[in-house]
Amino acid sequence: MKRNLLKAIGISFLIFVVLSWIIPTGTYSDGKLTTNGIDAVGLFDLFGIPVNTIMTFAMYILVFAVIGGLYGVMEKTGALPEWIQNIRRKFEGKETGFLVFTILFFVILSSVTGLIVPLFILVPLFASVLFAMNYDKITAMASTVGALLVGSIASTYGFNITGYTKNILSLDMNSEIWAKLIILVLVTALFIFFVLKFSKAKTKKLAKTEPKKEVKVETKKAAPKKTTTKKVAAKKTTTTKKKKTTAALAVAKDVKKVSTKKGVSTLPLIIIVILLMIVALVGMYNWYYSFGIEFFNDIHAAIMGVKIGDFPIFEHLLSGISEIGYWGNAELIMLMVVASMLIAFVYRLKLGEFVESFIAGMKKMLPTAIYAGLASVILTVLYQASYGGTGTLVDTLMAKTFSLTDDFNVVSAGISSLYGSFFYNDLYYLLSSMQPYVASLDASMLNVAGLVMQAMYALGMLLFPTSVILIAGLSYFDVKFGSWFKYIWKFALAVFILLIIICCILTAL
């Protein structure tokens, strides 16, 4: 199954390689495109670029691996399985309600914060509950990872989406906020309907097939081959059991011994996980560049300014830690390691047990981490090309697309943003490459351009195998890319049409 993802990433990279031999690079300035010739990906680059990608995005890879380590420790304590079963029992008979709650939880947090990577920490927890409720893999993925990406499409104040748009296009965080809220409500409602419809179809399908199997068993009951029937039944039961134990938790296979204590208190674990998420989200959301809030910057400066005599004690003790609001993946990794150590201490795990469970969890999550890193293989090439000053083939493609109309056009801007997200899986770089094409627009049109660009980019992250979070989700849930695309394309098409209609209305107003 995992090779399927490697194939999807490899095909995406080969598409870029072929295009690099056909489309010249270009730079766009003052309304003119200057072509700079072919910058083809060579034979040795086919091997060198993936290696360079792993090195460049090693921090991303480590983040996902450490998430696995955190869950390894959580599972070892016995509190995590207890927590999952408590939630399952609480929502017994209300499984649909929990599914809807999960979607709303991830969509809203993603829309408001834009911090998808730290929010991924909660994906295994919610997925475990959904598996315990007997939801299938693709439904569990859609309502967690899919919901995170849907929240990006309808980003309201998410810094890594709306914040980037604000700063690169010189907009305001509140620009077109009512349109964003309308998109949030409509897209979320559409997504919930879509996921529930799929779940219902699955339930009906199972209901239709079960009676047929019952009839078969009854007809063979009196036959001499009674043992065969028992064997089939036993086999079926074993398979179901295995599915629940291995699919429910991220690291169940690799942790040698999970705590079997009954009645393990889940309260300390719940508190630590909540605190971890609050500190991570507050620390990684850039308050200054979003709203001009200097509170955390002032606190950091005051703390670092404390001296004992002439010696700046905290400047040395806390060296390497950025101000709150400027935290990145390094600080996120540090937070997860500290949280893991605190959980081990509270639940009295021995040092050997802590180390063993943390490493086992990392090993289990390592393939997901590597695939997530490789998803940026095209961005690696474009990132390096940006330093050359000769532009990229994407600049040439965008210049041709925007030249199809004389004035700003929502459709051409939307299409450019959508295919641009295939190449640039980071919105910051996509907006930087598109900024020259919309820089001359007046303020009202620039607001709409920013909205359509960020929404279409996020839509691309729901579809393309160059999306870091999508690839991480597909690997974690063991879902083929083709199965996901077949599942999601109708929803994506409906969202594309909806976004075009809303942005066209905003343009006409």
Protein backbone atom coordinates (compact mmCIF):
# COMPACT_ATOMS: atom_id res chain seq x y z
CA MET A 1 0.00 0.00 0.00
CA LYS A 2 2.82 2.40 0.93
CA ARG A 3 4.49 1.77 -2.46
CA ASN A 4 1.36 3.23 -4.03
CA LEU A 5 2.17 6.57 -2.39
CA LEU A 6 5.77 6.41 -3.59
CA LYS A 7 4.39 5.80 -7.07
CA ALA A 8 2.03 8.80 -6.81
CA ILE A 9 4.85 11.09 -5.61
CA GLY A 10 7.19 9.68 -8.28
CA ILE A 11 4.70 10.27 -11.09
CA SER A 12 4.17 13.86 -9.89
CA PHE A 13 7.92 14.43 -9.95
CA LEU A 14 8.26 12.88 -13.42
CA ILE A 15 5.50 15.16 -14.73
CA PHE A 16 7.56 18.11 -13.52
CA VAL A 17 10.73 16.61 -15.05
CA VAL A 18 9.03 16.23 -18.48
CA LEU A 19 7.67 19.80 -18.29
CA SER A 20 11.16 21.10 -17.45
CA TRP A 21 12.31 19.82 -20.86
CA ILE A 22 9.41 21.48 -22.69
CA ILE A 23 8.50 24.76 -20.97
CA PRO A 24 11.15 27.50 -20.65
CA THR A 25 11.68 29.35 -17.40
CA GLY A 26 10.59 32.95 -17.23
CA THR A 27 10.38 36.08 -15.13
CA TYR A 28 7.41 38.45 -15.08
CA SER A 29 7.84 42.18 -14.51
CA ASP A 30 5.98 45.34 -15.57
CA GLY A 31 3.37 43.32 -17.41
CA LYS A 32 5.90 41.46 -19.54
CA LEU A 33 7.24 37.91 -19.48
CA THR A 34 10.95 37.43 -20.17
CA THR A 35 11.81 33.82 -21.08
CA ASN A 36 15.20 32.52 -20.01
CA GLY A 37 15.46 29.19 -21.78
CA ILE A 38 15.04 25.59 -20.75
CA ASP A 39 16.26 24.55 -17.30
CA ALA A 40 15.82 20.78 -17.60
CA VAL A 41 16.10 18.30 -14.74
CA GLY A 42 19.02 16.05 -15.63
CA LEU A 43 19.54 12.31 -15.26
CA PHE A 44 21.58 12.54 -12.07
CA ASP A 45 19.10 15.04 -10.64
CA LEU A 46 16.49 12.26 -10.64
CA PHE A 47 18.42 10.68 -7.78
CA GLY A 48 19.97 13.77 -6.20
CA ILE A 49 16.79 15.85 -5.80
CA PRO A 50 14.86 13.30 -3.64
CA VAL A 51 17.91 12.97 -1.36
CA ASN A 52 18.18 16.75 -1.17
CA THR A 53 14.47 16.92 -0.36
CA ILE A 54 14.89 14.59 2.61
CA MET A 55 17.75 16.75 3.89
CA THR A 56 15.93 20.05 3.28
CA PHE A 57 12.70 18.95 4.96
CA ALA A 58 14.29 16.82 7.69
CA MET A 59 12.58 18.91 10.38
CA TYR A 60 9.14 18.10 8.94
CA ILE A 61 10.06 14.42 8.88
CA LEU A 62 11.18 14.58 12.50
CA VAL A 63 7.90 16.26 13.58
CA PHE A 64 5.79 13.35 12.28
CA ALA A 65 8.20 10.79 13.74
CA VAL A 66 8.03 12.43 17.18
CA ILE A 67 4.21 12.41 17.02
CA GLY A 68 4.57 8.63 16.79
CA GLY A 69 6.93 8.67 19.78
CA LEU A 70 4.43 10.68 21.83
CA TYR A 71 1.67 8.15 21.09
CA GLY A 72 4.00 5.26 21.87
CA VAL A 73 4.45 6.61 25.41
CA MET A 74 0.74 7.47 25.76
CA GLU A 75 -0.23 3.94 24.79
CA LYS A 76 2.37 2.36 27.07
CA THR A 77 0.78 3.97 30.13
CA GLY A 78 -2.54 2.24 29.44
CA ALA A 79 -4.32 5.61 29.81
CA LEU A 80 -4.69 6.17 26.07
CA PRO A 81 -6.67 2.96 25.36
CA GLU A 82 -8.79 3.74 28.43
CA TRP A 83 -9.44 7.29 27.18
CA ILE A 84 -10.46 5.99 23.75
CA GLN A 85 -12.86 3.43 25.22
CA ASN A 86 -14.37 6.05 27.55
CA ILE A 87 -15.16 8.29 24.58
CA ARG A 88 -16.56 5.34 22.62
CA ARG A 89 -18.84 4.34 25.50
CA LYS A 90 -19.99 7.93 26.00
CA PHE A 91 -21.04 8.19 22.35
CA GLU A 92 -22.48 4.70 22.07
CA GLY A 93 -25.56 5.00 19.86
CA LYS A 94 -24.47 8.53 18.92
CA GLU A 95 -21.62 7.62 16.55
CA THR A 96 -22.88 9.95 13.82
CA GLY A 97 -22.86 12.82 16.30
CA PHE A 98 -19.21 12.12 17.16
CA LEU A 99 -18.32 11.95 13.47
CA VAL A 100 -19.93 15.37 12.86
CA PHE A 101 -18.23 16.76 15.99
CA THR A 102 -14.83 15.51 14.74
CA ILE A 103 -15.29 17.21 11.36
CA LEU A 104 -16.39 20.50 12.95
CA PHE A 105 -13.54 20.35 15.49
CA PHE A 106 -10.80 20.01 12.87
CA VAL A 107 -12.39 22.33 10.29
CA ILE A 108 -12.90 25.20 12.74
CA LEU A 109 -9.47 24.92 14.40
CA SER A 110 -7.81 24.74 11.00
CA SER A 111 -9.80 27.72 9.69
CA VAL A 112 -9.05 29.89 12.74
CA THR A 113 -5.38 28.97 13.34
CA GLY A 114 -4.06 27.66 10.00
CA LEU A 115 -1.62 25.49 11.99
CA ILE A 116 -2.25 22.13 10.36
CA VAL A 117 1.00 20.41 11.37
CA PRO A 118 0.54 20.83 15.16
CA LEU A 119 -3.16 19.95 14.79
CA PHE A 120 -2.07 16.66 13.18
CA ILE A 121 -1.02 15.62 16.71
CA LEU A 122 -4.70 15.03 17.49
CA VAL A 123 -5.41 12.97 14.35
CA PRO A 124 -4.36 9.56 15.81
CA LEU A 125 -6.50 10.16 18.93
CA PHE A 126 -9.71 10.95 17.03
CA ALA A 127 -8.94 8.27 14.43
CA SER A 128 -8.61 5.68 17.21
CA VAL A 129 -12.08 6.54 18.52
CA LEU A 130 -13.57 6.41 15.01
CA PHE A 131 -11.98 2.99 14.43
CA ALA A 132 -13.37 1.81 17.78
CA MET A 133 -16.79 2.89 16.47
CA ASN A 134 -16.20 0.66 13.41
CA TYR A 135 -15.84 3.45 10.86
CA ASP A 136 -13.75 2.52 7.83
CA LYS A 137 -10.31 3.98 7.04
CA ILE A 138 -11.34 6.45 4.38
CA THR A 139 -14.17 7.90 6.52
CA ALA A 140 -11.80 8.27 9.48
CA MET A 141 -9.24 9.99 7.25
CA ALA A 142 -11.82 12.31 5.66
CA SER A 143 -13.19 13.45 9.02
CA THR A 144 -9.71 14.19 10.45
CA VAL A 145 -7.03 14.93 7.83
CA GLY A 146 -9.64 15.84 5.19
CA ALA A 147 -11.36 18.19 7.65
CA LEU A 148 -8.03 19.93 8.38
CA LEU A 149 -7.60 20.65 4.67
CA VAL A 150 -11.25 21.73 4.26
CA GLY A 151 -10.65 24.22 7.08
CA SER A 152 -7.77 25.66 5.04
CA ILE A 153 -10.08 26.16 2.04
CA ALA A 154 -12.35 28.20 4.30
CA SER A 155 -9.53 29.91 6.22
CA THR A 156 -10.74 32.90 8.25
CA TYR A 157 -7.81 33.91 10.49
CA GLY A 158 -5.38 31.05 9.86
CA PHE A 159 -1.90 32.58 9.84
CA ASN A 160 -0.34 30.03 7.47
CA ILE A 161 -3.14 30.76 4.98
CA THR A 162 -4.85 34.14 5.51
CA GLY A 163 -1.80 35.56 7.32
CA TYR A 164 0.48 34.83 4.36
CA THR A 165 -2.06 36.35 1.97
CA LYS A 166 -2.30 39.46 4.15
CA ASN A 167 1.44 40.04 4.33
CA ILE A 168 2.43 39.21 0.74
CA LEU A 169 -0.48 41.06 -0.90
CA SER A 170 -0.57 43.87 1.71
CA LEU A 171 -4.13 43.14 2.79
CA ASP A 172 -5.93 43.09 6.14
CA MET A 173 -6.75 39.98 8.19
CA ASN A 174 -10.41 41.06 8.10
CA SER A 175 -10.55 41.60 4.33
CA GLU A 176 -13.59 39.80 2.86
CA ILE A 177 -14.23 38.25 6.28
CA TRP A 178 -17.97 37.89 5.66
CA ALA A 179 -17.32 36.09 2.40
CA LYS A 180 -14.85 33.82 4.22
CA LEU A 181 -17.42 33.02 6.93
CA ILE A 182 -20.04 32.22 4.28
CA ILE A 183 -17.55 29.94 2.51
CA LEU A 184 -16.72 28.31 5.87
CA VAL A 185 -20.38 27.54 6.60
CA LEU A 186 -21.22 26.33 3.08
CA VAL A 187 -18.09 24.23 2.52
CA THR A 188 -18.30 22.66 5.99
CA ALA A 189 -22.00 21.79 5.55
CA LEU A 190 -21.25 20.31 2.13
CA PHE A 191 -18.37 18.27 3.52
CA ILE A 192 -20.42 16.90 6.43
CA PHE A 193 -23.18 15.91 4.01
CA PHE A 194 -20.59 14.27 1.75
CA VAL A 195 -18.92 12.25 4.55
CA LEU A 196 -22.23 11.17 6.08
CA LYS A 197 -23.57 10.10 2.70
CA PHE A 198 -20.53 7.91 2.17
CA SER A 199 -20.87 6.39 5.66
CA LYS A 200 -24.57 5.63 5.13
CA ALA A 201 -23.85 4.01 1.78
CA LYS A 202 -21.26 1.79 3.46
CA THR A 203 -23.71 0.78 6.22
CA LYS A 204 -26.43 -0.09 3.72
CA LYS A 205 -24.01 -2.15 1.67
CA LEU A 206 -23.02 -4.19 4.73
CA ALA A 207 -26.66 -4.65 5.71
CA LYS A 208 -27.48 -6.08 2.29
CA THR A 209 -24.64 -8.60 2.28
CA GLU A 210 -25.08 -9.98 5.81
CA PRO A 211 -28.39 -11.88 5.32
CA LYS A 212 -26.93 -13.78 2.33
CA LYS A 213 -24.10 -15.11 4.49
CA GLU A 214 -26.57 -16.21 7.19
CA VAL A 215 -28.62 -18.24 4.68
CA LYS A 216 -25.47 -20.03 3.48
CA VAL A 217 -24.56 -21.14 6.99
CA GLU A 218 -28.07 -22.46 7.66
CA THR A 219 -28.15 -24.60 4.52
CA LYS A 220 -24.83 -26.23 5.43
CA LYS A 221 -25.75 -26.78 9.07
CA ALA A 222 -26.93 -30.38 8.66
CA ALA A 223 -24.18 -31.31 6.24
CA PRO A 224 -21.26 -33.49 7.37
CA LYS A 225 -18.74 -30.64 6.84
CA LYS A 226 -19.75 -28.90 10.02
CA THR A 227 -16.17 -28.13 10.96
CA THR A 228 -15.67 -26.09 7.77
CA THR A 229 -18.48 -23.75 8.80
CA LYS A 230 -16.92 -23.33 12.25
CA LYS A 231 -13.51 -22.65 10.74
CA VAL A 232 -14.92 -19.92 8.49
CA ALA A 233 -16.72 -18.33 11.43
CA ALA A 234 -13.62 -18.47 13.59
CA LYS A 235 -11.51 -17.03 10.83
CA LYS A 236 -13.94 -14.16 10.38
CA THR A 237 -13.93 -13.37 14.10
CA THR A 238 -10.13 -13.38 14.28
CA THR A 239 -9.83 -11.02 11.31
CA THR A 240 -12.25 -8.53 12.86
CA LYS A 241 -10.37 -8.61 16.15
CA LYS A 242 -7.05 -8.00 14.48
CA LYS A 243 -8.44 -5.08 12.53
CA LYS A 244 -9.60 -3.36 15.72
CA THR A 245 -6.36 -3.79 17.67
CA THR A 246 -3.93 -2.80 14.92
CA ALA A 247 -5.94 -0.06 13.21
CA ALA A 248 -7.16 1.72 16.33
CA LEU A 249 -3.78 2.89 17.59
CA ALA A 250 -0.84 4.24 15.66
CA VAL A 251 1.80 2.15 17.39
CA ALA A 252 0.03 -0.94 18.73
CA LYS A 253 2.17 -3.38 16.72
CA ASP A 254 5.54 -2.10 17.86
CA VAL A 255 5.06 -1.48 21.58
CA LYS A 256 5.98 -4.82 23.13
CA LYS A 257 3.84 -4.57 26.23
CA VAL A 258 0.99 -2.14 26.75
CA SER A 259 -0.05 -1.58 30.36
CA THR A 260 -2.86 -3.94 31.34
CA LYS A 261 -3.85 -2.06 34.51
CA LYS A 262 -7.57 -1.58 34.80
CA GLY A 263 -9.04 1.72 35.87
CA VAL A 264 -5.98 3.77 34.90
CA SER A 265 -6.81 7.43 35.44
CA THR A 266 -7.06 9.30 32.16
CA LEU A 267 -7.31 12.78 33.71
CA PRO A 268 -3.54 13.52 33.88
CA LEU A 269 -3.14 12.45 30.22
CA ILE A 270 -6.09 14.61 29.12
CA ILE A 271 -4.69 17.66 30.94
CA ILE A 272 -1.18 17.21 29.48
CA VAL A 273 -2.50 16.78 25.91
CA ILE A 274 -4.75 19.86 26.23
CA LEU A 275 -1.87 21.94 27.61
CA LEU A 276 0.44 20.68 24.85
CA MET A 277 -2.04 21.78 22.18
CA ILE A 278 -2.73 25.19 23.75
CA VAL A 279 0.98 26.01 24.16
CA ALA A 280 1.79 24.77 20.62
CA LEU A 281 -1.01 26.74 18.94
CA VAL A 282 -0.36 29.94 20.91
CA GLY A 283 3.40 29.68 20.38
CA MET A 284 3.22 28.96 16.64
CA TYR A 285 0.54 31.52 15.71
CA ASN A 286 2.22 34.78 14.69
CA TRP A 287 0.27 37.37 16.65
CA TYR A 288 2.36 40.33 15.52
CA TYR A 289 2.16 39.77 11.75
CA SER A 290 -1.53 38.84 11.98
CA PHE A 291 -2.91 41.55 14.26
CA GLY A 292 0.06 43.73 15.23
CA ILE A 293 0.00 42.37 18.82
CA GLU A 294 3.38 43.06 20.47
CA PHE A 295 2.49 41.60 23.89
CA PHE A 296 4.51 38.39 23.51
CA ASN A 297 7.45 40.23 21.91
CA ASP A 298 7.55 42.63 24.88
CA ILE A 299 7.40 39.78 27.42
CA HIS A 300 10.26 37.97 25.64
CA ALA A 301 12.37 41.14 25.58
CA ALA A 302 11.67 41.79 29.28
CA ILE A 303 12.62 38.23 30.31
CA MET A 304 15.78 38.23 28.21
CA GLY A 305 16.71 41.61 29.69
CA VAL A 306 16.82 40.30 33.29
CA LYS A 307 20.36 40.44 34.66
CA ILE A 308 22.16 39.24 37.75
CA GLY A 309 24.72 41.97 38.13
CA ASP A 310 25.83 42.53 34.55
CA PHE A 311 25.14 38.94 33.49
CA PRO A 312 21.95 38.40 31.34
CA ILE A 313 20.94 35.14 33.03
CA PHE A 314 17.84 34.26 30.98
CA GLU A 315 19.44 35.25 27.70
CA HIS A 316 21.85 32.37 28.25
CA LEU A 317 19.48 29.94 29.97
CA LEU A 318 16.79 30.31 27.30
CA SER A 319 19.04 30.86 24.29
CA GLY A 320 17.67 29.36 21.09
CA ILE A 321 14.00 29.82 22.05
CA SER A 322 12.15 32.29 19.85
CA GLU A 323 9.43 34.65 21.00
CA ILE A 324 5.92 33.23 21.33
CA GLY A 325 4.38 33.61 17.90
CA TYR A 326 7.63 32.77 16.10
CA TRP A 327 7.88 29.13 17.13
CA GLY A 328 8.48 26.58 14.40
CA ASN A 329 8.92 22.84 14.04
CA ALA A 330 11.96 22.76 16.34
CA GLU A 331 9.94 24.17 19.24
CA LEU A 332 7.03 21.84 18.40
CA ILE A 333 9.34 18.82 18.60
CA MET A 334 10.71 20.06 21.92
CA LEU A 335 7.16 20.47 23.30
CA MET A 336 6.18 16.92 22.29
CA VAL A 337 9.32 15.44 23.85
CA VAL A 338 8.70 17.35 27.11
CA ALA A 339 5.04 16.23 27.09
CA SER A 340 6.15 12.61 26.55
CA MET A 341 8.58 12.83 29.47
CA LEU A 342 5.91 14.39 31.70
CA ILE A 343 3.40 11.63 30.81
CA ALA A 344 6.04 8.97 31.58
CA PHE A 345 6.80 10.63 34.93
CA VAL A 346 3.14 11.01 35.98
CA TYR A 347 2.33 7.39 35.07
CA ARG A 348 5.56 6.12 36.66
CA LEU A 349 7.10 4.52 33.62
CA LYS A 350 10.67 3.37 34.09
CA LEU A 351 13.34 5.05 32.00
CA GLY A 352 13.75 1.90 29.88
CA GLU A 353 10.00 1.66 29.30
CA PHE A 354 9.83 5.32 28.30
CA VAL A 355 12.73 5.06 25.85
CA GLU A 356 11.49 1.76 24.39
CA SER A 357 7.91 2.97 23.84
CA PHE A 358 9.04 6.35 22.42
CA ILE A 359 11.41 4.72 19.93
CA ALA A 360 8.81 2.09 19.00
CA GLY A 361 6.29 4.84 18.28
CA MET A 362 8.80 6.75 16.14
CA LYS A 363 9.61 3.60 14.17
CA LYS A 364 5.93 3.00 13.48
CA MET A 365 5.44 6.58 12.27
CA LEU A 366 8.72 6.80 10.31
CA PRO A 367 7.30 5.73 6.89
CA THR A 368 4.58 8.39 7.23
CA ALA A 369 7.25 10.96 8.13
CA ILE A 370 9.45 10.09 5.13
CA TYR A 371 6.56 10.17 2.66
CA ALA A 372 5.49 13.56 4.07
CA GLY A 373 9.00 14.86 3.43
CA LEU A 374 9.17 13.47 -0.11
CA ALA A 375 5.91 15.25 -0.99
CA SER A 376 7.97 18.46 -1.30
CA VAL A 377 10.29 17.08 -4.00
CA ILE A 378 9.05 19.59 -6.63
CA LEU A 379 9.16 22.49 -4.18
CA THR A 380 12.83 21.67 -3.54
CA VAL A 381 13.66 22.30 -7.22
CA LEU A 382 11.61 25.50 -7.40
CA TYR A 383 13.02 26.75 -4.10
CA GLN A 384 16.58 26.36 -5.40
CA ALA A 385 15.66 27.93 -8.77
CA SER A 386 14.32 31.03 -7.03
CA TYR A 387 17.87 31.91 -5.98
CA GLY A 388 19.06 31.83 -9.60
CA GLY A 389 16.92 34.81 -10.59
CA THR A 390 15.96 33.24 -13.94
CA GLY A 391 12.44 32.30 -12.82
CA THR A 392 10.74 28.95 -13.16
CA LEU A 393 8.54 27.11 -15.66
CA VAL A 394 5.59 27.84 -13.33
CA ASP A 395 6.10 31.58 -13.93
CA THR A 396 5.84 30.96 -17.66
CA LEU A 397 2.67 28.90 -17.26
CA MET A 398 1.05 31.54 -15.07
CA ALA A 399 1.96 34.36 -17.44
CA LYS A 400 0.24 32.49 -20.28
CA THR A 401 -2.85 31.82 -18.14
CA PHE A 402 -3.22 35.41 -16.93
CA SER A 403 -2.68 36.77 -20.46
CA LEU A 404 -5.85 35.01 -21.65
CA THR A 405 -7.87 37.96 -20.31
CA ASP A 406 -7.12 41.69 -20.33
CA ASP A 407 -8.44 42.41 -16.85
CA PHE A 408 -8.53 40.41 -13.63
CA ASN A 409 -10.55 37.26 -14.09
CA VAL A 410 -11.67 35.03 -11.21
CA VAL A 411 -11.60 31.86 -13.33
CA SER A 412 -8.04 32.34 -14.63
CA ALA A 413 -6.81 33.34 -11.16
CA GLY A 414 -8.55 30.29 -9.67
CA ILE A 415 -7.16 27.87 -12.24
CA SER A 416 -3.65 29.33 -11.88
CA SER A 417 -3.81 28.97 -8.10
CA LEU A 418 -5.11 25.41 -8.37
CA TYR A 419 -2.45 24.05 -10.73
CA GLY A 420 0.13 26.27 -9.00
CA SER A 421 -0.52 24.38 -5.76
CA PHE A 422 0.61 21.19 -7.50
CA PHE A 423 4.07 22.76 -7.87
CA TYR A 424 4.14 24.96 -4.76
CA ASN A 425 2.79 22.98 -1.79
CA ASP A 426 3.58 25.94 0.47
CA LEU A 427 1.24 28.91 0.08
CA TYR A 428 3.97 31.42 0.90
CA TYR A 429 5.95 30.48 -2.22
CA LEU A 430 2.85 30.23 -4.41
CA LEU A 431 1.68 33.73 -3.41
CA SER A 432 5.19 35.10 -3.93
CA SER A 433 5.22 33.74 -7.49
CA MET A 434 1.70 35.07 -8.23
CA GLN A 435 2.12 38.48 -6.62
CA PRO A 436 3.51 40.22 -9.78
CA TYR A 437 0.37 39.22 -11.73
CA VAL A 438 -2.07 40.82 -9.29
CA ALA A 439 0.07 43.64 -7.85
CA SER A 440 -1.46 46.25 -10.19
CA LEU A 441 -5.05 45.52 -9.12
CA ASP A 442 -6.99 48.08 -7.09
CA ALA A 443 -7.74 47.31 -3.43
CA SER A 444 -11.21 45.81 -3.94
CA MET A 445 -10.04 43.42 -6.66
CA LEU A 446 -6.91 42.54 -4.71
CA ASN A 447 -9.09 41.35 -1.79
CA VAL A 448 -10.99 38.99 -4.10
CA ALA A 449 -7.74 37.84 -5.75
CA GLY A 450 -6.29 37.00 -2.33
CA LEU A 451 -9.41 35.06 -1.37
CA VAL A 452 -9.57 32.99 -4.56
CA MET A 453 -5.82 32.29 -4.51
CA GLN A 454 -5.69 31.02 -0.93
CA ALA A 455 -8.89 28.96 -1.26
CA MET A 456 -7.84 27.30 -4.54
CA TYR A 457 -4.40 26.54 -3.13
CA ALA A 458 -6.00 24.75 -0.16
CA LEU A 459 -8.32 22.88 -2.52
CA GLY A 460 -5.23 21.64 -4.38
CA MET A 461 -3.80 20.36 -1.08
CA LEU A 462 -6.90 18.19 -0.76
CA LEU A 463 -6.30 16.68 -4.21
CA PHE A 464 -2.64 16.51 -5.21
CA PRO A 465 0.03 14.01 -4.09
CA THR A 466 2.40 16.93 -3.53
CA SER A 467 0.40 17.91 -0.41
CA VAL A 468 2.43 17.17 2.74
CA ILE A 469 -0.58 16.69 5.02
CA LEU A 470 -2.53 14.66 2.45
CA ILE A 471 0.40 12.29 1.88
CA ALA A 472 0.99 12.00 5.64
CA GLY A 473 -2.70 11.17 6.09
CA LEU A 474 -2.78 8.61 3.28
CA SER A 475 0.31 6.89 4.70
CA TYR A 476 -0.97 6.92 8.28
CA PHE A 477 -4.42 5.56 7.36
CA ASP A 478 -2.95 3.19 4.76
CA VAL A 479 -5.22 4.54 1.99
CA LYS A 480 -4.25 4.45 -1.70
CA PHE A 481 -4.00 7.81 -3.44
CA GLY A 482 -6.27 6.55 -6.24
CA SER A 483 -8.93 5.51 -3.72
CA TRP A 484 -8.78 8.91 -2.05
CA PHE A 485 -9.01 10.81 -5.34
CA LYS A 486 -11.98 8.69 -6.42
CA TYR A 487 -13.61 9.43 -3.07
CA ILE A 488 -13.00 13.19 -2.94
CA TRP A 489 -13.10 14.54 -6.53
CA LYS A 490 -16.87 15.18 -6.64
CA PHE A 491 -16.69 17.21 -3.44
CA ALA A 492 -13.65 19.10 -4.77
CA LEU A 493 -15.45 19.91 -8.03
CA ALA A 494 -18.50 21.21 -6.12
CA VAL A 495 -16.24 23.40 -3.96
CA PHE A 496 -14.39 24.72 -7.03
CA ILE A 497 -17.68 25.80 -8.63
CA LEU A 498 -18.93 27.29 -5.34
CA LEU A 499 -15.74 29.34 -4.89
CA ILE A 500 -15.87 30.65 -8.45
CA ILE A 501 -19.52 31.71 -8.05
CA ILE A 502 -18.89 33.48 -4.71
CA CYS A 503 -15.78 35.28 -6.00
CA CYS A 504 -17.56 36.32 -9.22
CA ILE A 505 -20.36 37.83 -7.10
CA LEU A 506 -17.77 39.70 -5.01
CA THR A 507 -16.15 41.00 -8.21
CA ALA A 508 -19.50 42.27 -9.51
CA LEU A 509 -20.38 44.09 -6.26
